[in-house]
Amino acid sequence: MYQCPACKATTIRFSRKWLSTPVVPAHCRACGAYSHAHRSSGGLGIVVGALVITAGGIAASALQAFWPLGLGITAALSFCVWHIHRIPLEALSAEQVSVARATEGMGFLAFLMAFLLNS
């Protein structure tokens, strides 16, 4: 469990922190505040994970064994969990959440219209 950045109560679960975005923020059960984990280096986890899994796959192929690939997958997942765990939660106001939802909704509508008009 993680502390809410607004009231410092430990009410936010790992899964909510992991899935939080400005559009779907984590919600504190104690004070009702919104928060999300800002992923400014979110691409870093994907790159490191891809490199580690690729290296594990190459080692597994060279050794004709499965364990290097399993070790690479385990290391990549551990890095991703650690990366999410260390990112602090940032408070969001209700206005920021509504603006993010409106912006995201307009983007989805534009994507849907482009998809339907090109069919």
PDB file of N, CA and C in Angstrom:
ATOM      1  N   MET A   1       0.851  -1.182   0.000  1.00  0.00           N
ATOM      2  CA  MET A   1       0.000   0.000   0.000  1.00  0.00           C
ATOM      3  C   MET A   1       0.896   1.243   0.000  1.00  0.00           C
ATOM      4  N   TYR A   2       0.376   2.283  -0.644  1.00  0.00           N
ATOM      5  CA  TYR A   2       1.123   3.526  -0.791  1.00  0.00           C
ATOM      6  C   TYR A   2       0.366   4.677  -0.151  1.00  0.00           C
ATOM      7  N   GLN A   3       1.113   5.725   0.207  1.00  0.00           N
ATOM      8  CA  GLN A   3       0.519   6.895   0.839  1.00  0.00           C
ATOM      9  C   GLN A   3      -0.117   7.812  -0.192  1.00  0.00           C
ATOM     10  N   CYS A   4      -1.265   8.325   0.166  1.00  0.00           N
ATOM     11  CA  CYS A   4      -1.922   9.348  -0.650  1.00  0.00           C
ATOM     12  C   CYS A   4      -1.079  10.619  -0.556  1.00  0.00           C
ATOM     13  N   PRO A   5      -0.781  11.282  -1.675  1.00  0.00           N
ATOM     14  CA  PRO A   5       0.024  12.504  -1.598  1.00  0.00           C
ATOM     15  C   PRO A   5      -0.711  13.672  -0.946  1.00  0.00           C
ATOM     16  N   ALA A   6      -2.035  13.599  -0.863  1.00  0.00           N
ATOM     17  CA  ALA A   6      -2.804  14.696  -0.277  1.00  0.00           C
ATOM     18  C   ALA A   6      -2.927  14.578   1.242  1.00  0.00           C
ATOM     19  N   CYS A   7      -3.315  13.390   1.738  1.00  0.00           N
ATOM     20  CA  CYS A   7      -3.578  13.243   3.175  1.00  0.00           C
ATOM     21  C   CYS A   7      -2.577  12.346   3.892  1.00  0.00           C
ATOM     22  N   LYS A   8      -1.674  11.711   3.167  1.00  0.00           N
ATOM     23  CA  LYS A   8      -0.636  10.821   3.710  1.00  0.00           C
ATOM     24  C   LYS A   8      -1.184   9.541   4.329  1.00  0.00           C
ATOM     25  N   ALA A   9      -2.446   9.207   4.074  1.00  0.00           N
ATOM     26  CA  ALA A   9      -3.011   7.941   4.537  1.00  0.00           C
ATOM     27  C   ALA A   9      -2.562   6.826   3.594  1.00  0.00           C
ATOM     28  N   THR A  10      -2.305   5.655   4.139  1.00  0.00           N
ATOM     29  CA  THR A  10      -1.844   4.525   3.334  1.00  0.00           C
ATOM     30  C   THR A  10      -3.067   3.765   2.816  1.00  0.00           C
ATOM     31  N   THR A  11      -3.597   4.237   1.679  1.00  0.00           N
ATOM     32  CA  THR A  11      -4.836   3.656   1.164  1.00  0.00           C
ATOM     33  C   THR A  11      -4.761   3.229  -0.300  1.00  0.00           C
ATOM     34  N   ILE A  12      -3.649   3.447  -0.976  1.00  0.00           N
ATOM     35  CA  ILE A  12      -3.579   3.167  -2.414  1.00  0.00           C
ATOM     36  C   ILE A  12      -2.806   1.881  -2.651  1.00  0.00           C
ATOM     37  N   ARG A  13      -3.462   0.912  -3.303  1.00  0.00           N
ATOM     38  CA  ARG A  13      -2.840  -0.388  -3.576  1.00  0.00           C
ATOM     39  C   ARG A  13      -1.878  -0.297  -4.751  1.00  0.00           C
ATOM     40  N   PHE A  14      -0.991  -1.298  -4.850  1.00  0.00           N
ATOM     41  CA  PHE A  14      -0.012  -1.339  -5.941  1.00  0.00           C
ATOM     42  C   PHE A  14      -0.707  -1.389  -7.297  1.00  0.00           C
ATOM     43  N   SER A  15      -1.758  -2.192  -7.404  1.00  0.00           N
ATOM     44  CA  SER A  15      -2.448  -2.317  -8.693  1.00  0.00           C
ATOM     45  C   SER A  15      -3.055  -0.987  -9.137  1.00  0.00           C
ATOM     46  N   ARG A  16      -3.574  -0.196  -8.197  1.00  0.00           N
ATOM     47  CA  ARG A  16      -4.143   1.111  -8.556  1.00  0.00           C
ATOM     48  C   ARG A  16      -3.043   2.080  -8.958  1.00  0.00           C
ATOM     49  N   LYS A  17      -1.888   2.011  -8.266  1.00  0.00           N
ATOM     50  CA  LYS A  17      -0.772   2.873  -8.639  1.00  0.00           C
ATOM     51  C   LYS A  17      -0.263   2.483 -10.024  1.00  0.00           C
ATOM     52  N   TRP A  18      -0.163   1.193 -10.276  1.00  0.00           N
ATOM     53  CA  TRP A  18       0.347   0.686 -11.547  1.00  0.00           C
ATOM     54  C   TRP A  18      -0.552   1.098 -12.708  1.00  0.00           C
ATOM     55  N   LEU A  19      -1.856   1.059 -12.521  1.00  0.00           N
ATOM     56  CA  LEU A  19      -2.811   1.356 -13.584  1.00  0.00           C
ATOM     57  C   LEU A  19      -3.231   2.822 -13.641  1.00  0.00           C
ATOM     58  N   SER A  20      -2.705   3.650 -12.735  1.00  0.00           N
ATOM     59  CA  SER A  20      -3.167   5.039 -12.666  1.00  0.00           C
ATOM     60  C   SER A  20      -2.618   5.890 -13.799  1.00  0.00           C
ATOM     61  N   THR A  21      -3.487   6.701 -14.340  1.00  0.00           N
ATOM     62  CA  THR A  21      -3.157   7.716 -15.338  1.00  0.00           C
ATOM     63  C   THR A  21      -3.979   8.948 -14.989  1.00  0.00           C
ATOM     64  N   PRO A  22      -3.709  10.096 -15.605  1.00  0.00           N
ATOM     65  CA  PRO A  22      -4.576  11.250 -15.339  1.00  0.00           C
ATOM     66  C   PRO A  22      -6.040  11.005 -15.722  1.00  0.00           C
ATOM     67  N   VAL A  23      -6.267  10.117 -16.694  1.00  0.00           N
ATOM     68  CA  VAL A  23      -7.640   9.819 -17.114  1.00  0.00           C
ATOM     69  C   VAL A  23      -8.323   8.885 -16.112  1.00  0.00           C
ATOM     70  N   VAL A  24      -7.599   7.900 -15.611  1.00  0.00           N
ATOM     71  CA  VAL A  24      -8.124   6.942 -14.630  1.00  0.00           C
ATOM     72  C   VAL A  24      -7.187   6.966 -13.417  1.00  0.00           C
ATOM     73  N   PRO A  25      -7.317   7.977 -12.553  1.00  0.00           N
ATOM     74  CA  PRO A  25      -6.377   8.115 -11.444  1.00  0.00           C
ATOM     75  C   PRO A  25      -6.691   7.173 -10.280  1.00  0.00           C
ATOM     76  N   ALA A  26      -5.690   7.009  -9.417  1.00  0.00           N
ATOM     77  CA  ALA A  26      -5.912   6.289  -8.163  1.00  0.00           C
ATOM     78  C   ALA A  26      -6.751   7.200  -7.272  1.00  0.00           C
ATOM     79  N   HIS A  27      -7.649   6.602  -6.501  1.00  0.00           N
ATOM     80  CA  HIS A  27      -8.582   7.356  -5.666  1.00  0.00           C
ATOM     81  C   HIS A  27      -8.344   6.991  -4.213  1.00  0.00           C
ATOM     82  N   CYS A  28      -8.067   7.972  -3.370  1.00  0.00           N
ATOM     83  CA  CYS A  28      -7.847   7.735  -1.945  1.00  0.00           C
ATOM     84  C   CYS A  28      -9.185   7.498  -1.255  1.00  0.00           C
ATOM     85  N   ARG A  29      -9.267   6.405  -0.511  1.00  0.00           N
ATOM     86  CA  ARG A  29     -10.514   6.096   0.195  1.00  0.00           C
ATOM     87  C   ARG A  29     -10.686   6.947   1.449  1.00  0.00           C
ATOM     88  N   ALA A  30      -9.593   7.522   1.942  1.00  0.00           N
ATOM     89  CA  ALA A  30      -9.681   8.325   3.163  1.00  0.00           C
ATOM     90  C   ALA A  30     -10.151   9.756   2.890  1.00  0.00           C
ATOM     91  N   CYS A  31      -9.525  10.434   1.905  1.00  0.00           N
ATOM     92  CA  CYS A  31      -9.860  11.839   1.662  1.00  0.00           C
ATOM     93  C   CYS A  31     -10.543  12.087   0.324  1.00  0.00           C
ATOM     94  N   GLY A  32     -10.552  11.091  -0.565  1.00  0.00           N
ATOM     95  CA  GLY A  32     -11.203  11.240  -1.860  1.00  0.00           C
ATOM     96  C   GLY A  32     -10.359  11.923  -2.912  1.00  0.00           C
ATOM     97  N   ALA A  33      -9.087  12.170  -2.616  1.00  0.00           N
ATOM     98  CA  ALA A  33      -8.210  12.852  -3.584  1.00  0.00           C
ATOM     99  C   ALA A  33      -7.801  11.907  -4.701  1.00  0.00           C
ATOM    100  N   TYR A  34      -7.478  12.494  -5.841  1.00  0.00           N
ATOM    101  CA  TYR A  34      -6.993  11.740  -6.994  1.00  0.00           C
ATOM    102  C   TYR A  34      -5.473  11.848  -7.062  1.00  0.00           C
ATOM    103  N   SER A  35      -4.835  10.800  -7.558  1.00  0.00           N
ATOM    104  CA  SER A  35      -3.385  10.832  -7.763  1.00  0.00           C
ATOM    105  C   SER A  35      -3.007   9.842  -8.851  1.00  0.00           C
ATOM    106  N   HIS A  36      -1.804  10.024  -9.389  1.00  0.00           N
ATOM    107  CA  HIS A  36      -1.307   9.086 -10.393  1.00  0.00           C
ATOM    108  C   HIS A  36       0.209   9.036 -10.305  1.00  0.00           C
ATOM    109  N   ALA A  37       0.780   7.964 -10.826  1.00  0.00           N
ATOM    110  CA  ALA A  37       2.226   7.803 -10.864  1.00  0.00           C
ATOM    111  C   ALA A  37       2.703   8.296 -12.223  1.00  0.00           C
ATOM    112  N   HIS A  38       3.397   9.421 -12.230  1.00  0.00           N
ATOM    113  CA  HIS A  38       3.871  10.011 -13.483  1.00  0.00           C
ATOM    114  C   HIS A  38       5.002   9.161 -14.040  1.00  0.00           C
ATOM    115  N   ARG A  39       4.863   8.718 -15.274  1.00  0.00           N
ATOM    116  CA  ARG A  39       5.858   7.830 -15.893  1.00  0.00           C
ATOM    117  C   ARG A  39       6.667   8.575 -16.949  1.00  0.00           C
ATOM    118  N   SER A  40       7.486   9.526 -16.498  1.00  0.00           N
ATOM    119  CA  SER A  40       8.287  10.272 -17.459  1.00  0.00           C
ATOM    120  C   SER A  40       9.345   9.391 -18.111  1.00  0.00           C
ATOM    121  N   SER A  41       9.762   8.339 -17.416  1.00  0.00           N
ATOM    122  CA  SER A  41      10.750   7.421 -17.991  1.00  0.00           C
ATOM    123  C   SER A  41      10.118   6.064 -18.271  1.00  0.00           C
ATOM    124  N   GLY A  42       8.840   6.060 -18.635  1.00  0.00           N
ATOM    125  CA  GLY A  42       8.132   4.813 -18.880  1.00  0.00           C
ATOM    126  C   GLY A  42       8.735   3.971 -19.985  1.00  0.00           C
ATOM    127  N   GLY A  43       9.337   4.599 -20.980  1.00  0.00           N
ATOM    128  CA  GLY A  43       9.977   3.860 -22.062  1.00  0.00           C
ATOM    129  C   GLY A  43      11.225   3.121 -21.620  1.00  0.00           C
ATOM    130  N   LEU A  44      11.840   3.575 -20.541  1.00  0.00           N
ATOM    131  CA  LEU A  44      13.047   2.931 -20.038  1.00  0.00           C
ATOM    132  C   LEU A  44      12.768   1.486 -19.646  1.00  0.00           C
ATOM    133  N   GLY A  45      11.658   1.241 -18.979  1.00  0.00           N
ATOM    134  CA  GLY A  45      11.316  -0.121 -18.572  1.00  0.00           C
ATOM    135  C   GLY A  45      11.118  -1.050 -19.757  1.00  0.00           C
ATOM    136  N   ILE A  46      10.510  -0.545 -20.817  1.00  0.00           N
ATOM    137  CA  ILE A  46      10.277  -1.360 -22.006  1.00  0.00           C
ATOM    138  C   ILE A  46      11.600  -1.693 -22.698  1.00  0.00           C
ATOM    139  N   VAL A  47      12.468  -0.702 -22.808  1.00  0.00           N
ATOM    140  CA  VAL A  47      13.754  -0.928 -23.469  1.00  0.00           C
ATOM    141  C   VAL A  47      14.612  -1.904 -22.670  1.00  0.00           C
ATOM    142  N   VAL A  48      14.725  -1.675 -21.374  1.00  0.00           N
ATOM    143  CA  VAL A  48      15.521  -2.586 -20.534  1.00  0.00           C
ATOM    144  C   VAL A  48      14.923  -3.985 -20.568  1.00  0.00           C
ATOM    145  N   GLY A  49      13.612  -4.096 -20.443  1.00  0.00           N
ATOM    146  CA  GLY A  49      12.953  -5.399 -20.491  1.00  0.00           C
ATOM    147  C   GLY A  49      13.193  -6.121 -21.802  1.00  0.00           C
ATOM    148  N   ALA A  50      13.080  -5.394 -22.907  1.00  0.00           N
ATOM    149  CA  ALA A  50      13.302  -6.006 -24.228  1.00  0.00           C
ATOM    150  C   ALA A  50      14.744  -6.478 -24.382  1.00  0.00           C
ATOM    151  N   LEU A  51      15.692  -5.672 -23.925  1.00  0.00           N
ATOM    152  CA  LEU A  51      17.098  -6.066 -24.027  1.00  0.00           C
ATOM    153  C   LEU A  51      17.420  -7.280 -23.163  1.00  0.00           C
ATOM    154  N   VAL A  52      16.896  -7.297 -21.951  1.00  0.00           N
ATOM    155  CA  VAL A  52      17.170  -8.421 -21.040  1.00  0.00           C
ATOM    156  C   VAL A  52      16.524  -9.705 -21.563  1.00  0.00           C
ATOM    157  N   ILE A  53      15.301  -9.621 -22.046  1.00  0.00           N
ATOM    158  CA  ILE A  53      14.628 -10.817 -22.571  1.00  0.00           C
ATOM    159  C   ILE A  53      15.320 -11.296 -23.853  1.00  0.00           C
ATOM    160  N   THR A  54      15.746 -10.364 -24.706  1.00  0.00           N
ATOM    161  CA  THR A  54      16.471 -10.747 -25.920  1.00  0.00           C
ATOM    162  C   THR A  54      17.787 -11.430 -25.581  1.00  0.00           C
ATOM    163  N   ALA A  55      18.517 -10.859 -24.622  1.00  0.00           N
ATOM    164  CA  ALA A  55      19.782 -11.482 -24.202  1.00  0.00           C
ATOM    165  C   ALA A  55      19.531 -12.863 -23.609  1.00  0.00           C
ATOM    166  N   GLY A  56      18.460 -13.005 -22.838  1.00  0.00           N
ATOM    167  CA  GLY A  56      18.105 -14.321 -22.292  1.00  0.00           C
ATOM    168  C   GLY A  56      17.744 -15.300 -23.388  1.00  0.00           C
ATOM    169  N   GLY A  57      17.046 -14.827 -24.415  1.00  0.00           N
ATOM    170  CA  GLY A  57      16.690 -15.698 -25.535  1.00  0.00           C
ATOM    171  C   GLY A  57      17.905 -16.146 -26.326  1.00  0.00           C
ATOM    172  N   ILE A  58      18.837 -15.224 -26.538  1.00  0.00           N
ATOM    173  CA  ILE A  58      20.070 -15.586 -27.251  1.00  0.00           C
ATOM    174  C   ILE A  58      20.874 -16.596 -26.439  1.00  0.00           C
ATOM    175  N   ALA A  59      20.980 -16.351 -25.126  1.00  0.00           N
ATOM    176  CA  ALA A  59      21.714 -17.290 -24.260  1.00  0.00           C
ATOM    177  C   ALA A  59      21.015 -18.645 -24.214  1.00  0.00           C
ATOM    178  N   ALA A  60      19.686 -18.649 -24.178  1.00  0.00           N
ATOM    179  CA  ALA A  60      18.943 -19.914 -24.159  1.00  0.00           C
ATOM    180  C   ALA A  60      19.163 -20.686 -25.453  1.00  0.00           C
ATOM    181  N   SER A  61      19.195 -19.981 -26.568  1.00  0.00           N
ATOM    182  CA  SER A  61      19.440 -20.636 -27.850  1.00  0.00           C
ATOM    183  C   SER A  61      20.861 -21.199 -27.928  1.00  0.00           C
ATOM    184  N   ALA A  62      21.819 -20.417 -27.446  1.00  0.00           N
ATOM    185  CA  ALA A  62      23.215 -20.868 -27.499  1.00  0.00           C
ATOM    186  C   ALA A  62      23.459 -22.058 -26.571  1.00  0.00           C
ATOM    187  N   LEU A  63      22.810 -22.050 -25.418  1.00  0.00           N
ATOM    188  CA  LEU A  63      23.016 -23.127 -24.441  1.00  0.00           C
ATOM    189  C   LEU A  63      22.052 -24.296 -24.623  1.00  0.00           C
ATOM    190  N   GLN A  64      21.068 -24.123 -25.515  1.00  0.00           N
ATOM    191  CA  GLN A  64      20.043 -25.151 -25.727  1.00  0.00           C
ATOM    192  C   GLN A  64      19.344 -25.505 -24.406  1.00  0.00           C
ATOM    193  N   ALA A  65      19.013 -24.453 -23.645  1.00  0.00           N
ATOM    194  CA  ALA A  65      18.344 -24.623 -22.353  1.00  0.00           C
ATOM    195  C   ALA A  65      17.312 -23.505 -22.191  1.00  0.00           C
ATOM    196  N   PHE A  66      16.297 -23.779 -21.403  1.00  0.00           N
ATOM    197  CA  PHE A  66      15.235 -22.798 -21.197  1.00  0.00           C
ATOM    198  C   PHE A  66      15.563 -21.822 -20.076  1.00  0.00           C
ATOM    199  N   TRP A  67      16.385 -22.210 -19.110  1.00  0.00           N
ATOM    200  CA  TRP A  67      16.570 -21.395 -17.914  1.00  0.00           C
ATOM    201  C   TRP A  67      17.109 -19.984 -18.178  1.00  0.00           C
ATOM    202  N   PRO A  68      17.984 -19.733 -19.172  1.00  0.00           N
ATOM    203  CA  PRO A  68      18.402 -18.333 -19.386  1.00  0.00           C
ATOM    204  C   PRO A  68      17.243 -17.421 -19.813  1.00  0.00           C
ATOM    205  N   LEU A  69      16.327 -17.947 -20.620  1.00  0.00           N
ATOM    206  CA  LEU A  69      15.169 -17.154 -21.022  1.00  0.00           C
ATOM    207  C   LEU A  69      14.260 -16.900 -19.820  1.00  0.00           C
ATOM    208  N   GLY A  70      14.026 -17.925 -19.017  1.00  0.00           N
ATOM    209  CA  GLY A  70      13.219 -17.754 -17.807  1.00  0.00           C
ATOM    210  C   GLY A  70      13.840 -16.750 -16.852  1.00  0.00           C
ATOM    211  N   LEU A  71      15.162 -16.790 -16.730  1.00  0.00           N
ATOM    212  CA  LEU A  71      15.867 -15.838 -15.882  1.00  0.00           C
ATOM    213  C   LEU A  71      15.743 -14.412 -16.444  1.00  0.00           C
ATOM    214  N   GLY A  72      15.822 -14.267 -17.772  1.00  0.00           N
ATOM    215  CA  GLY A  72      15.663 -12.955 -18.399  1.00  0.00           C
ATOM    216  C   GLY A  72      14.269 -12.387 -18.210  1.00  0.00           C
ATOM    217  N   ILE A  73      13.251 -13.229 -18.353  1.00  0.00           N
ATOM    218  CA  ILE A  73      11.863 -12.780 -18.158  1.00  0.00           C
ATOM    219  C   ILE A  73      11.645 -12.370 -16.706  1.00  0.00           C
ATOM    220  N   THR A  74      12.163 -13.179 -15.777  1.00  0.00           N
ATOM    221  CA  THR A  74      12.030 -12.855 -14.349  1.00  0.00           C
ATOM    222  C   THR A  74      12.735 -11.541 -14.021  1.00  0.00           C
ATOM    223  N   ALA A  75      13.932 -11.336 -14.561  1.00  0.00           N
ATOM    224  CA  ALA A  75      14.669 -10.097 -14.311  1.00  0.00           C
ATOM    225  C   ALA A  75      13.935  -8.891 -14.895  1.00  0.00           C
ATOM    226  N   ALA A  76      13.379  -9.031 -16.097  1.00  0.00           N
ATOM    227  CA  ALA A  76      12.658  -7.923 -16.730  1.00  0.00           C
ATOM    228  C   ALA A  76      11.397  -7.559 -15.946  1.00  0.00           C
ATOM    229  N   LEU A  77      10.653  -8.563 -15.501  1.00  0.00           N
ATOM    230  CA  LEU A  77       9.453  -8.291 -14.706  1.00  0.00           C
ATOM    231  C   LEU A  77       9.804  -7.669 -13.362  1.00  0.00           C
ATOM    232  N   SER A  78      10.880  -8.152 -12.744  1.00  0.00           N
ATOM    233  CA  SER A  78      11.324  -7.575 -11.463  1.00  0.00           C
ATOM    234  C   SER A  78      11.712  -6.116 -11.634  1.00  0.00           C
ATOM    235  N   PHE A  79      12.404  -5.793 -12.730  1.00  0.00           N
ATOM    236  CA  PHE A  79      12.779  -4.411 -12.992  1.00  0.00           C
ATOM    237  C   PHE A  79      11.540  -3.537 -13.169  1.00  0.00           C
ATOM    238  N   CYS A  80      10.552  -4.020 -13.901  1.00  0.00           N
ATOM    239  CA  CYS A  80       9.326  -3.235 -14.119  1.00  0.00           C
ATOM    240  C   CYS A  80       8.587  -2.975 -12.807  1.00  0.00           C
ATOM    241  N   VAL A  81       8.479  -3.997 -11.962  1.00  0.00           N
ATOM    242  CA  VAL A  81       7.806  -3.829 -10.662  1.00  0.00           C
ATOM    243  C   VAL A  81       8.582  -2.839  -9.796  1.00  0.00           C
ATOM    244  N   TRP A  82       9.911  -2.964  -9.757  1.00  0.00           N
ATOM    245  CA  TRP A  82      10.732  -2.043  -8.969  1.00  0.00           C
ATOM    246  C   TRP A  82      10.596  -0.618  -9.497  1.00  0.00           C
ATOM    247  N   HIS A  83      10.579  -0.469 -10.810  1.00  0.00           N
ATOM    248  CA  HIS A  83      10.472   0.845 -11.437  1.00  0.00           C
ATOM    249  C   HIS A  83       9.150   1.518 -11.058  1.00  0.00           C
ATOM    250  N   ILE A  84       8.059   0.773 -11.087  1.00  0.00           N
ATOM    251  CA  ILE A  84       6.763   1.332 -10.715  1.00  0.00           C
ATOM    252  C   ILE A  84       6.721   1.641  -9.221  1.00  0.00           C
ATOM    253  N   HIS A  85       7.341   0.784  -8.411  1.00  0.00           N
ATOM    254  CA  HIS A  85       7.331   0.968  -6.953  1.00  0.00           C
ATOM    255  C   HIS A  85       8.050   2.257  -6.548  1.00  0.00           C
ATOM    256  N   ARG A  86       9.133   2.590  -7.227  1.00  0.00           N
ATOM    257  CA  ARG A  86       9.936   3.738  -6.806  1.00  0.00           C
ATOM    258  C   ARG A  86       9.389   5.082  -7.287  1.00  0.00           C
ATOM    259  N   ILE A  87       8.483   5.093  -8.255  1.00  0.00           N
ATOM    260  CA  ILE A  87       7.918   6.349  -8.757  1.00  0.00           C
ATOM    261  C   ILE A  87       6.914   6.894  -7.736  1.00  0.00           C
ATOM    262  N   PRO A  88       7.067   8.152  -7.308  1.00  0.00           N
ATOM    263  CA  PRO A  88       6.125   8.702  -6.322  1.00  0.00           C
ATOM    264  C   PRO A  88       4.775   9.037  -6.953  1.00  0.00           C
ATOM    265  N   LEU A  89       3.748   8.986  -6.139  1.00  0.00           N
ATOM    266  CA  LEU A  89       2.422   9.400  -6.584  1.00  0.00           C
ATOM    267  C   LEU A  89       2.342  10.927  -6.583  1.00  0.00           C
ATOM    268  N   GLU A  90       1.648  11.479  -7.556  1.00  0.00           N
ATOM    269  CA  GLU A  90       1.442  12.920  -7.639  1.00  0.00           C
ATOM    270  C   GLU A  90      -0.047  13.215  -7.517  1.00  0.00           C
ATOM    271  N   ALA A  91      -0.372  14.229  -6.745  1.00  0.00           N
ATOM    272  CA  ALA A  91      -1.769  14.600  -6.542  1.00  0.00           C
ATOM    273  C   ALA A  91      -2.339  15.244  -7.808  1.00  0.00           C
ATOM    274  N   LEU A  92      -3.617  14.978  -8.064  1.00  0.00           N
ATOM    275  CA  LEU A  92      -4.350  15.582  -9.178  1.00  0.00           C
ATOM    276  C   LEU A  92      -5.616  16.228  -8.630  1.00  0.00           C
ATOM    277  N   SER A  93      -5.962  17.369  -9.169  1.00  0.00           N
ATOM    278  CA  SER A  93      -7.225  17.987  -8.783  1.00  0.00           C
ATOM    279  C   SER A  93      -8.349  17.391  -9.633  1.00  0.00           C
ATOM    280  N   ALA A  94      -9.569  17.570  -9.173  1.00  0.00           N
ATOM    281  CA  ALA A  94     -10.719  17.073  -9.934  1.00  0.00           C
ATOM    282  C   ALA A  94     -10.791  17.754 -11.305  1.00  0.00           C
ATOM    283  N   GLU A  95     -10.362  19.010 -11.378  1.00  0.00           N
ATOM    284  CA  GLU A  95     -10.362  19.734 -12.650  1.00  0.00           C
ATOM    285  C   GLU A  95      -9.350  19.125 -13.635  1.00  0.00           C
ATOM    286  N   GLN A  96      -8.166  18.755 -13.143  1.00  0.00           N
ATOM    287  CA  GLN A  96      -7.172  18.122 -14.008  1.00  0.00           C
ATOM    288  C   GLN A  96      -7.677  16.781 -14.548  1.00  0.00           C
ATOM    289  N   VAL A  97      -8.375  16.036 -13.714  1.00  0.00           N
ATOM    290  CA  VAL A  97      -8.922  14.744 -14.146  1.00  0.00           C
ATOM    291  C   VAL A  97      -9.986  14.953 -15.213  1.00  0.00           C
ATOM    292  N   SER A  98     -10.869  15.927 -15.033  1.00  0.00           N
ATOM    293  CA  SER A  98     -11.926  16.152 -16.026  1.00  0.00           C
ATOM    294  C   SER A  98     -11.346  16.657 -17.352  1.00  0.00           C
ATOM    295  N   VAL A  99     -10.312  17.492 -17.303  1.00  0.00           N
ATOM    296  CA  VAL A  99      -9.666  17.969 -18.537  1.00  0.00           C
ATOM    297  C   VAL A  99      -8.995  16.799 -19.252  1.00  0.00           C
ATOM    298  N   ALA A 100      -8.310  15.946 -18.495  1.00  0.00           N
ATOM    299  CA  ALA A 100      -7.651  14.781 -19.099  1.00  0.00           C
ATOM    300  C   ALA A 100      -8.673  13.844 -19.727  1.00  0.00           C
ATOM    301  N   ARG A 101      -9.792  13.640 -19.052  1.00  0.00           N
ATOM    302  CA  ARG A 101     -10.834  12.757 -19.598  1.00  0.00           C
ATOM    303  C   ARG A 101     -11.444  13.346 -20.861  1.00  0.00           C
ATOM    304  N   ALA A 102     -11.667  14.648 -20.887  1.00  0.00           N
ATOM    305  CA  ALA A 102     -12.222  15.283 -22.087  1.00  0.00           C
ATOM    306  C   ALA A 102     -11.237  15.199 -23.245  1.00  0.00           C
ATOM    307  N   THR A 103      -9.973  15.435 -22.974  1.00  0.00           N
ATOM    308  CA  THR A 103      -8.941  15.359 -24.012  1.00  0.00           C
ATOM    309  C   THR A 103      -8.821  13.946 -24.550  1.00  0.00           C
ATOM    310  N   GLU A 104      -8.785  12.974 -23.654  1.00  0.00           N
ATOM    311  CA  GLU A 104      -8.684  11.570 -24.058  1.00  0.00           C
ATOM    312  C   GLU A 104      -9.925  11.153 -24.848  1.00  0.00           C
ATOM    313  N   GLY A 105     -11.076  11.619 -24.418  1.00  0.00           N
ATOM    314  CA  GLY A 105     -12.311  11.288 -25.124  1.00  0.00           C
ATOM    315  C   GLY A 105     -12.328  11.842 -26.534  1.00  0.00           C
ATOM    316  N   MET A 106     -11.830  13.057 -26.714  1.00  0.00           N
ATOM    317  CA  MET A 106     -11.773  13.649 -28.056  1.00  0.00           C
ATOM    318  C   MET A 106     -10.783  12.896 -28.940  1.00  0.00           C
ATOM    319  N   GLY A 107      -9.658  12.462 -28.363  1.00  0.00           N
ATOM    320  CA  GLY A 107      -8.683  11.678 -29.131  1.00  0.00           C
ATOM    321  C   GLY A 107      -9.263  10.348 -29.569  1.00  0.00           C
ATOM    322  N   PHE A 108     -10.002   9.703 -28.673  1.00  0.00           N
ATOM    323  CA  PHE A 108     -10.627   8.427 -29.014  1.00  0.00           C
ATOM    324  C   PHE A 108     -11.693   8.622 -30.080  1.00  0.00           C
ATOM    325  N   LEU A 109     -12.448   9.691 -29.976  1.00  0.00           N
ATOM    326  CA  LEU A 109     -13.479   9.975 -30.977  1.00  0.00           C
ATOM    327  C   LEU A 109     -12.847  10.222 -32.348  1.00  0.00           C
ATOM    328  N   ALA A 110     -11.733  10.972 -32.385  1.00  0.00           N
ATOM    329  CA  ALA A 110     -11.046  11.215 -33.662  1.00  0.00           C
ATOM    330  C   ALA A 110     -10.515   9.904 -34.249  1.00  0.00           C
ATOM    331  N   PHE A 111      -9.958   9.037 -33.420  1.00  0.00           N
ATOM    332  CA  PHE A 111      -9.470   7.739 -33.880  1.00  0.00           C
ATOM    333  C   PHE A 111     -10.631   6.905 -34.419  1.00  0.00           C
ATOM    334  N   LEU A 112     -11.742   6.874 -33.703  1.00  0.00           N
ATOM    335  CA  LEU A 112     -12.894   6.087 -34.114  1.00  0.00           C
ATOM    336  C   LEU A 112     -13.464   6.593 -35.440  1.00  0.00           C
ATOM    337  N   MET A 113     -13.543   7.899 -35.601  1.00  0.00           N
ATOM    338  CA  MET A 113     -14.065   8.455 -36.854  1.00  0.00           C
ATOM    339  C   MET A 113     -13.131   8.134 -38.027  1.00  0.00           C
ATOM    340  N   ALA A 114     -11.829   8.273 -37.797  1.00  0.00           N
ATOM    341  CA  ALA A 114     -10.867   7.940 -38.860  1.00  0.00           C
ATOM    342  C   ALA A 114     -10.967   6.469 -39.234  1.00  0.00           C
ATOM    343  N   PHE A 115     -11.140   5.608 -38.251  1.00  0.00           N
ATOM    344  CA  PHE A 115     -11.241   4.175 -38.504  1.00  0.00           C
ATOM    345  C   PHE A 115     -12.515   3.856 -39.275  1.00  0.00           C
ATOM    346  N   LEU A 116     -13.615   4.440 -38.856  1.00  0.00           N
ATOM    347  CA  LEU A 116     -14.908   4.150 -39.502  1.00  0.00           C
ATOM    348  C   LEU A 116     -14.988   4.758 -40.921  1.00  0.00           C
ATOM    349  N   LEU A 117     -14.401   5.931 -41.121  1.00  0.00           N
ATOM    350  CA  LEU A 117     -14.464   6.561 -42.428  1.00  0.00           C
ATOM    351  C   LEU A 117     -13.551   5.875 -43.442  1.00  0.00           C
ATOM    352  N   ASN A 118     -12.521   5.188 -42.969  1.00  0.00           N
ATOM    353  CA  ASN A 118     -11.615   4.479 -43.875  1.00  0.00           C
ATOM    354  C   ASN A 118     -12.029   3.029 -44.122  1.00  0.00           C
ATOM    355  N   SER A 119     -13.096   2.610 -43.523  1.00  0.00           N
ATOM    356  CA  SER A 119     -13.534   1.202 -43.703  1.00  0.00           C
ATOM    357  C   SER A 119     -14.291   1.018 -44.977  1.00  0.00           C
TER     358      SER A 119
END
